Amino acid sequence: MGQGTCNKHPSVSAKWWCQTCQELWCDACAGGIATGEAQRRICPQCGCRVNPLRAAVSVPAIARGAPQAPTRPKAFFPELVGAFAYPFKGNGPWLVIGWTVFVLVSDAASYFCGFAGLLGLLGLGLIWVFLTGYLCAYVIKALVSSAGGEDELPELVRFSSWWDDILHPILLLAGTVAVFLLPAAAYYLVNISADSAGTAIYTGSGPILVLLLGVGSFLLPMGLLSVAMYDSFRGLNPLRIFLSIARVPGPYTIAWVLILLVAALRRVVSAHLGGIFIISSLVQAPAGFYFLIVEMRIIGLIYAAYSRRLNWFDEASDRRGKPRT
């Protein structure tokens, strides 16, 4: 089996691999920082922790960007309980505070944009697109980091371009959610009619609508995991999603129920604080960030614990196209 070469030094053999930005690095590039107990190797491109390039992982698969499975699979159920403490590990509290400040500044900018006419409205739109895209980019990064076996929140996303760091993450998350919830939404809209007073009334079957919502929400976590790991809508391969759920039915169902409970808590917090401007931002921003990260952690743990069963990035069974250049 051949050995990969460093992304920066093509003549030097790679010793480290970053599962976040998916690049190979040599010892000189993957510098280390002291952590108190050992030296932690850091990716020079994105600042995340890098993993040793093990002979057990095929270099062609890595070169195409296939995320590396954790060196030691996670114990799923103990880690599941710890998912609620995950946002507070490492730099997590500072990230929560930083996100809250970011939202407050954006809210203030949005308020002043409202007095600037058309340009103000355009500015307001750009602010919220950036805010939404950045959050999408970070939660995807947290999901992939958890799937790779990391125990702490990843570093913040380094903004480099509107497409890579804002628009692409929005499309990935929104598109994935739409694919799984579209059948229920379409059924609901088709069965909406107006009465004599012009009031919209739902005339369809309640059980069918609930069934469509249930099936869509059940498939959604595996779909999000697959799309995030492949960084592409190719992750929506229905055969892969159904087979993957079939390989870990019990743990996946428990994770799904837990995700529903976390989502319900997030909705409760949002409903009770949505009408108070300052309080809403001060509480909703950190609470929303916390619940989203917990949900991504739960989804990521499915891969971290059962990557061998899922077998997504096997060289023979999962060909992803041309090698990365």
Protein backbone atom coordinates (compact mmCIF):
# COMPACT_ATOMS: atom_id res chain seq x y z
CA MET A 1 0.00 0.00 0.00
CA GLY A 2 1.39 3.37 -0.97
CA GLN A 3 1.99 6.25 1.38
CA GLY A 4 0.43 9.70 0.89
CA THR A 5 2.50 12.84 0.61
CA CYS A 6 2.24 16.16 2.41
CA ASN A 7 -0.20 18.69 0.98
CA LYS A 8 2.46 21.43 1.21
CA HIS A 9 5.56 19.33 0.50
CA PRO A 10 4.77 16.80 -2.28
CA SER A 11 8.18 15.16 -1.93
CA VAL A 12 7.69 14.43 1.80
CA SER A 13 5.67 11.50 3.14
CA ALA A 14 2.58 12.47 5.11
CA LYS A 15 2.38 11.45 8.77
CA TRP A 16 -0.81 13.22 9.80
CA TRP A 17 -4.34 13.66 8.44
CA CYS A 18 -6.97 16.31 9.24
CA GLN A 19 -10.49 14.91 9.13
CA THR A 20 -11.94 18.46 9.13
CA CYS A 21 -10.28 19.97 6.07
CA GLN A 22 -9.30 16.51 4.73
CA GLU A 23 -5.64 17.20 3.97
CA LEU A 24 -2.44 15.23 4.58
CA TRP A 25 0.53 16.80 6.43
CA CYS A 26 4.12 15.96 7.32
CA ASP A 27 5.67 16.33 10.78
CA ALA A 28 7.02 19.79 9.97
CA CYS A 29 3.61 21.13 8.86
CA ALA A 30 1.51 19.58 11.63
CA GLY A 31 3.05 21.56 14.45
CA GLY A 32 2.34 20.67 18.05
CA ILE A 33 1.14 22.62 21.07
CA ALA A 34 1.59 21.64 24.70
CA THR A 35 -1.56 20.43 26.42
CA GLY A 36 -0.11 19.68 29.87
CA GLU A 37 0.08 15.92 29.36
CA ALA A 38 1.29 15.55 25.81
CA GLN A 39 1.83 17.44 22.60
CA ARG A 40 -1.23 17.96 20.44
CA ARG A 41 -0.68 18.09 16.69
CA ILE A 42 -2.59 20.86 14.87
CA CYS A 43 -3.60 21.23 11.24
CA PRO A 44 -1.83 24.27 9.72
CA GLN A 45 -4.83 24.98 7.48
CA CYS A 46 -7.84 24.89 9.79
CA GLY A 47 -6.33 24.67 13.28
CA CYS A 48 -8.09 21.43 14.24
CA ARG A 49 -6.43 18.39 15.77
CA VAL A 50 -4.89 16.01 13.26
CA ASN A 51 -4.84 12.21 13.41
CA PRO A 52 -1.93 9.86 12.75
CA LEU A 53 -1.96 8.49 9.22
CA ARG A 54 -2.33 4.78 9.93
CA ALA A 55 -1.44 2.04 7.49
CA ALA A 56 -4.89 0.50 8.03
CA VAL A 57 -6.51 3.36 6.15
CA SER A 58 -6.14 3.28 2.38
CA VAL A 59 -4.30 6.32 1.08
CA PRO A 60 -6.46 6.60 -2.07
CA ALA A 61 -9.56 6.87 0.09
CA ILE A 62 -7.96 9.58 2.24
CA ALA A 63 -6.72 11.43 -0.82
CA ARG A 64 -10.33 11.66 -2.01
CA GLY A 65 -11.28 13.25 1.30
CA ALA A 66 -12.77 10.21 3.08
CA PRO A 67 -13.02 11.07 6.80
CA GLN A 68 -10.98 8.78 9.00
CA ALA A 69 -12.74 6.60 11.54
CA PRO A 70 -11.76 7.03 15.19
CA THR A 71 -8.67 5.09 16.25
CA ARG A 72 -10.79 3.56 19.00
CA PRO A 73 -14.56 3.35 18.47
CA LYS A 74 -16.59 5.24 21.04
CA ALA A 75 -18.76 3.44 23.58
CA PHE A 76 -22.07 4.68 22.21
CA PHE A 77 -24.39 4.69 25.22
CA PRO A 78 -21.99 6.25 27.79
CA GLU A 79 -21.01 8.89 25.22
CA LEU A 80 -24.69 9.54 24.50
CA VAL A 81 -25.23 10.60 28.10
CA GLY A 82 -22.16 12.82 27.90
CA ALA A 83 -23.50 14.56 24.78
CA PHE A 84 -25.29 17.08 27.01
CA ALA A 85 -21.99 18.15 28.56
CA TYR A 86 -20.14 18.20 25.23
CA PRO A 87 -20.84 21.91 24.43
CA PHE A 88 -19.07 22.88 27.67
CA LYS A 89 -15.86 20.93 27.08
CA GLY A 90 -12.60 22.63 26.15
CA ASN A 91 -13.30 26.02 24.61
CA GLY A 92 -17.03 25.31 24.48
CA PRO A 93 -18.13 27.96 27.02
CA TRP A 94 -16.14 30.64 25.19
CA LEU A 95 -17.66 29.56 21.90
CA VAL A 96 -21.16 29.83 23.38
CA ILE A 97 -20.37 33.31 24.71
CA GLY A 98 -18.78 34.30 21.39
CA TRP A 99 -21.82 33.12 19.44
CA THR A 100 -24.13 35.07 21.75
CA VAL A 101 -22.09 38.25 21.27
CA PHE A 102 -22.09 37.62 17.53
CA VAL A 103 -25.88 37.37 17.50
CA LEU A 104 -26.29 40.48 19.66
CA VAL A 105 -24.06 42.52 17.36
CA SER A 106 -25.99 41.21 14.36
CA ASP A 107 -29.30 42.13 16.02
CA ALA A 108 -28.02 45.65 16.68
CA ALA A 109 -26.78 45.99 13.09
CA SER A 110 -30.13 44.72 11.85
CA TYR A 111 -31.95 47.34 13.91
CA PHE A 112 -29.95 50.21 12.42
CA CYS A 113 -30.20 48.76 8.90
CA GLY A 114 -33.96 49.21 9.15
CA PHE A 115 -33.49 53.01 8.99
CA ALA A 116 -31.34 52.95 5.86
CA GLY A 117 -33.95 52.20 3.20
CA LEU A 118 -33.21 49.75 0.40
CA LEU A 119 -29.49 49.59 1.13
CA GLY A 120 -30.34 48.88 4.73
CA LEU A 121 -32.59 46.00 3.74
CA LEU A 122 -29.85 44.56 1.53
CA GLY A 123 -27.41 44.89 4.40
CA LEU A 124 -29.89 43.20 6.72
CA GLY A 125 -30.25 40.32 4.27
CA LEU A 126 -26.48 39.88 4.02
CA ILE A 127 -26.13 39.89 7.80
CA TRP A 128 -28.67 37.13 8.29
CA VAL A 129 -27.39 35.05 5.39
CA PHE A 130 -23.90 35.27 6.86
CA LEU A 131 -25.15 34.48 10.36
CA THR A 132 -27.19 31.48 9.19
CA GLY A 133 -24.44 30.17 6.92
CA TYR A 134 -21.76 30.47 9.55
CA LEU A 135 -23.89 28.58 12.05
CA CYS A 136 -24.58 25.87 9.47
CA ALA A 137 -20.86 25.60 8.70
CA TYR A 138 -19.97 25.25 12.36
CA VAL A 139 -22.60 22.66 13.27
CA ILE A 140 -21.48 20.57 10.28
CA LYS A 141 -17.91 20.89 11.51
CA ALA A 142 -19.00 19.83 15.02
CA LEU A 143 -20.84 16.81 13.59
CA VAL A 144 -17.84 15.67 11.53
CA SER A 145 -15.49 16.31 14.46
CA SER A 146 -17.66 14.15 16.74
CA ALA A 147 -17.85 11.44 14.09
CA GLY A 148 -14.05 11.47 13.93
CA GLY A 149 -13.78 10.72 17.65
CA GLU A 150 -12.96 14.21 18.96
CA ASP A 151 -14.05 14.86 22.54
CA GLU A 152 -14.05 18.66 22.40
CA LEU A 153 -15.71 21.23 20.20
CA PRO A 154 -13.71 22.12 17.08
CA GLU A 155 -12.25 25.56 16.53
CA LEU A 156 -14.35 28.23 14.86
CA VAL A 157 -14.73 28.13 11.10
CA ARG A 158 -12.24 30.40 9.38
CA PHE A 159 -14.17 32.44 6.84
CA SER A 160 -12.49 32.27 3.43
CA SER A 161 -15.28 32.60 0.87
CA TRP A 162 -19.03 33.11 0.70
CA TRP A 163 -19.57 29.88 -1.20
CA ASP A 164 -17.41 27.50 0.84
CA ASP A 165 -18.20 28.84 4.32
CA ILE A 166 -21.68 30.37 4.00
CA LEU A 167 -23.78 29.36 1.00
CA HIS A 168 -22.60 25.76 0.61
CA PRO A 169 -23.31 24.82 4.28
CA ILE A 170 -26.78 26.43 4.07
CA LEU A 171 -27.59 24.45 0.93
CA LEU A 172 -26.33 21.20 2.46
CA LEU A 173 -28.37 21.47 5.65
CA ALA A 174 -31.50 23.07 4.18
CA GLY A 175 -31.46 20.73 1.19
CA THR A 176 -31.09 17.64 3.36
CA VAL A 177 -33.91 18.66 5.68
CA ALA A 178 -36.11 19.48 2.67
CA VAL A 179 -35.53 16.06 1.06
CA PHE A 180 -36.82 14.20 4.11
CA LEU A 181 -39.64 16.54 5.11
CA LEU A 182 -40.83 17.43 1.59
CA PRO A 183 -43.27 14.47 1.28
CA ALA A 184 -45.10 15.55 4.45
CA ALA A 185 -45.08 19.22 3.40
CA ALA A 186 -46.34 18.38 -0.08
CA TYR A 187 -49.14 16.18 1.28
CA TYR A 188 -50.20 18.94 3.66
CA LEU A 189 -50.25 21.62 0.96
CA VAL A 190 -52.17 19.44 -1.49
CA ASN A 191 -54.87 18.91 1.11
CA ILE A 192 -55.36 22.58 2.00
CA SER A 193 -58.62 24.17 0.83
CA ALA A 194 -60.50 27.37 1.63
CA ASP A 195 -63.96 27.60 3.18
CA SER A 196 -66.61 30.15 2.25
CA ALA A 197 -64.93 32.77 4.43
CA GLY A 198 -61.55 32.21 2.76
CA THR A 199 -60.02 30.48 5.77
CA ALA A 200 -57.53 27.72 4.96
CA ILE A 201 -58.62 24.28 6.20
CA TYR A 202 -56.65 21.05 6.18
CA THR A 203 -58.81 18.26 4.72
CA GLY A 204 -56.30 15.45 4.49
CA SER A 205 -55.74 12.43 6.69
CA GLY A 206 -54.14 13.17 10.04
CA PRO A 207 -52.55 9.70 10.44
CA ILE A 208 -51.00 9.84 6.95
CA LEU A 209 -49.48 13.26 7.67
CA VAL A 210 -48.10 12.04 11.01
CA LEU A 211 -46.70 8.93 9.32
CA LEU A 212 -44.93 10.99 6.65
CA LEU A 213 -43.50 13.32 9.28
CA GLY A 214 -42.39 10.37 11.41
CA VAL A 215 -40.65 8.55 8.56
CA GLY A 216 -38.96 11.74 7.37
CA SER A 217 -37.73 12.69 10.83
CA PHE A 218 -36.52 9.12 11.43
CA LEU A 219 -34.39 9.09 8.27
CA LEU A 220 -33.15 12.65 8.69
CA PRO A 221 -30.33 12.10 11.24
CA MET A 222 -28.67 9.42 9.11
CA GLY A 223 -29.12 11.63 6.07
CA LEU A 224 -27.46 14.57 7.84
CA LEU A 225 -24.61 12.35 8.98
CA SER A 226 -24.02 11.01 5.50
CA VAL A 227 -24.21 14.42 3.80
CA ALA A 228 -21.87 15.99 6.37
CA MET A 229 -19.31 13.19 6.10
CA TYR A 230 -19.33 13.23 2.29
CA ASP A 231 -19.66 17.04 2.18
CA SER A 232 -22.01 16.55 -0.74
CA PHE A 233 -25.58 15.64 -1.65
CA ARG A 234 -24.11 12.35 -2.83
CA GLY A 235 -24.48 11.43 0.82
CA LEU A 236 -28.24 11.20 0.21
CA ASN A 237 -27.83 7.84 -1.50
CA PRO A 238 -31.03 6.11 -0.27
CA LEU A 239 -29.46 2.65 -0.38
CA ARG A 240 -26.65 3.76 1.94
CA ILE A 241 -29.05 5.46 4.34
CA PHE A 242 -31.44 2.50 4.63
CA LEU A 243 -28.64 -0.07 4.92
CA SER A 244 -26.83 2.03 7.51
CA ILE A 245 -29.92 2.28 9.71
CA ALA A 246 -30.47 -1.47 9.31
CA ARG A 247 -26.91 -2.13 10.53
CA VAL A 248 -27.42 -0.22 13.81
CA PRO A 249 -31.23 -0.24 14.34
CA GLY A 250 -31.30 -0.19 18.15
CA PRO A 251 -28.71 2.54 18.83
CA TYR A 252 -29.98 4.61 15.92
CA THR A 253 -33.58 4.52 17.18
CA ILE A 254 -32.47 5.56 20.67
CA ALA A 255 -30.43 8.40 19.17
CA TRP A 256 -33.44 9.49 17.09
CA VAL A 257 -35.74 9.61 20.13
CA LEU A 258 -33.14 11.59 22.07
CA ILE A 259 -32.75 14.05 19.18
CA LEU A 260 -36.54 14.55 19.11
CA LEU A 261 -36.50 15.32 22.84
CA VAL A 262 -33.66 17.82 22.42
CA ALA A 263 -35.46 19.46 19.49
CA ALA A 264 -38.63 19.71 21.60
CA LEU A 265 -36.69 21.42 24.40
CA ARG A 266 -35.24 23.86 21.87
CA ARG A 267 -38.75 24.69 20.61
CA VAL A 268 -40.02 25.24 24.15
CA VAL A 269 -37.22 27.69 24.93
CA SER A 270 -37.77 29.50 21.65
CA ALA A 271 -41.55 29.73 22.15
CA HIS A 272 -41.27 31.20 25.64
CA LEU A 273 -38.62 33.80 24.80
CA GLY A 274 -39.38 34.68 21.20
CA GLY A 275 -41.23 37.93 21.88
CA ILE A 276 -38.72 39.70 24.11
CA PHE A 277 -36.06 41.46 22.02
CA ILE A 278 -33.02 41.71 24.32
CA ILE A 279 -33.88 38.74 26.54
CA SER A 280 -34.57 36.67 23.44
CA SER A 281 -31.10 37.28 22.05
CA LEU A 282 -29.34 36.84 25.39
CA VAL A 283 -31.04 33.52 26.12
CA GLN A 284 -32.14 32.12 22.79
CA ALA A 285 -28.73 32.49 21.16
CA PRO A 286 -26.75 30.39 23.68
CA ALA A 287 -29.65 27.98 24.24
CA GLY A 288 -30.19 27.45 20.51
CA PHE A 289 -26.47 26.98 19.95
CA TYR A 290 -26.28 24.51 22.85
CA PHE A 291 -29.17 22.36 21.64
CA LEU A 292 -27.93 22.31 18.03
CA ILE A 293 -24.47 21.20 19.14
CA VAL A 294 -25.95 18.47 21.34
CA GLU A 295 -28.00 17.21 18.37
CA MET A 296 -24.91 17.18 16.11
CA ARG A 297 -22.95 15.39 18.82
CA ILE A 298 -25.58 12.65 19.07
CA ILE A 299 -25.60 12.18 15.30
CA GLY A 300 -21.82 12.17 15.09
CA LEU A 301 -21.54 9.53 17.81
CA ILE A 302 -23.40 7.08 15.57
CA TYR A 303 -20.44 7.07 13.21
CA ALA A 304 -17.83 7.34 15.97
CA ALA A 305 -19.18 4.19 17.63
CA TYR A 306 -20.23 2.14 14.60
CA SER A 307 -18.01 3.25 11.72
CA ARG A 308 -16.89 -0.33 11.10
CA ARG A 309 -20.45 -1.55 10.75
CA LEU A 310 -21.41 1.36 8.51
CA ASN A 311 -18.29 0.86 6.36
CA TRP A 312 -18.92 4.01 4.32
CA PHE A 313 -15.42 4.73 3.10
CA ASP A 314 -14.19 1.28 2.20
CA GLU A 315 -12.08 1.44 -0.96
CA ALA A 316 -13.87 -1.46 -2.65
CA SER A 317 -17.47 -0.85 -1.60
CA ASP A 318 -17.74 2.93 -1.70
CA ARG A 319 -16.10 4.56 -4.69
CA ARG A 320 -16.53 8.29 -4.67
CA GLY A 321 -15.16 9.33 -8.05
CA LYS A 322 -11.94 10.98 -9.03
CA PRO A 323 -9.13 11.56 -6.53
CA ARG A 324 -8.75 15.02 -5.02
CA THR A 325 -6.12 17.21 -6.61
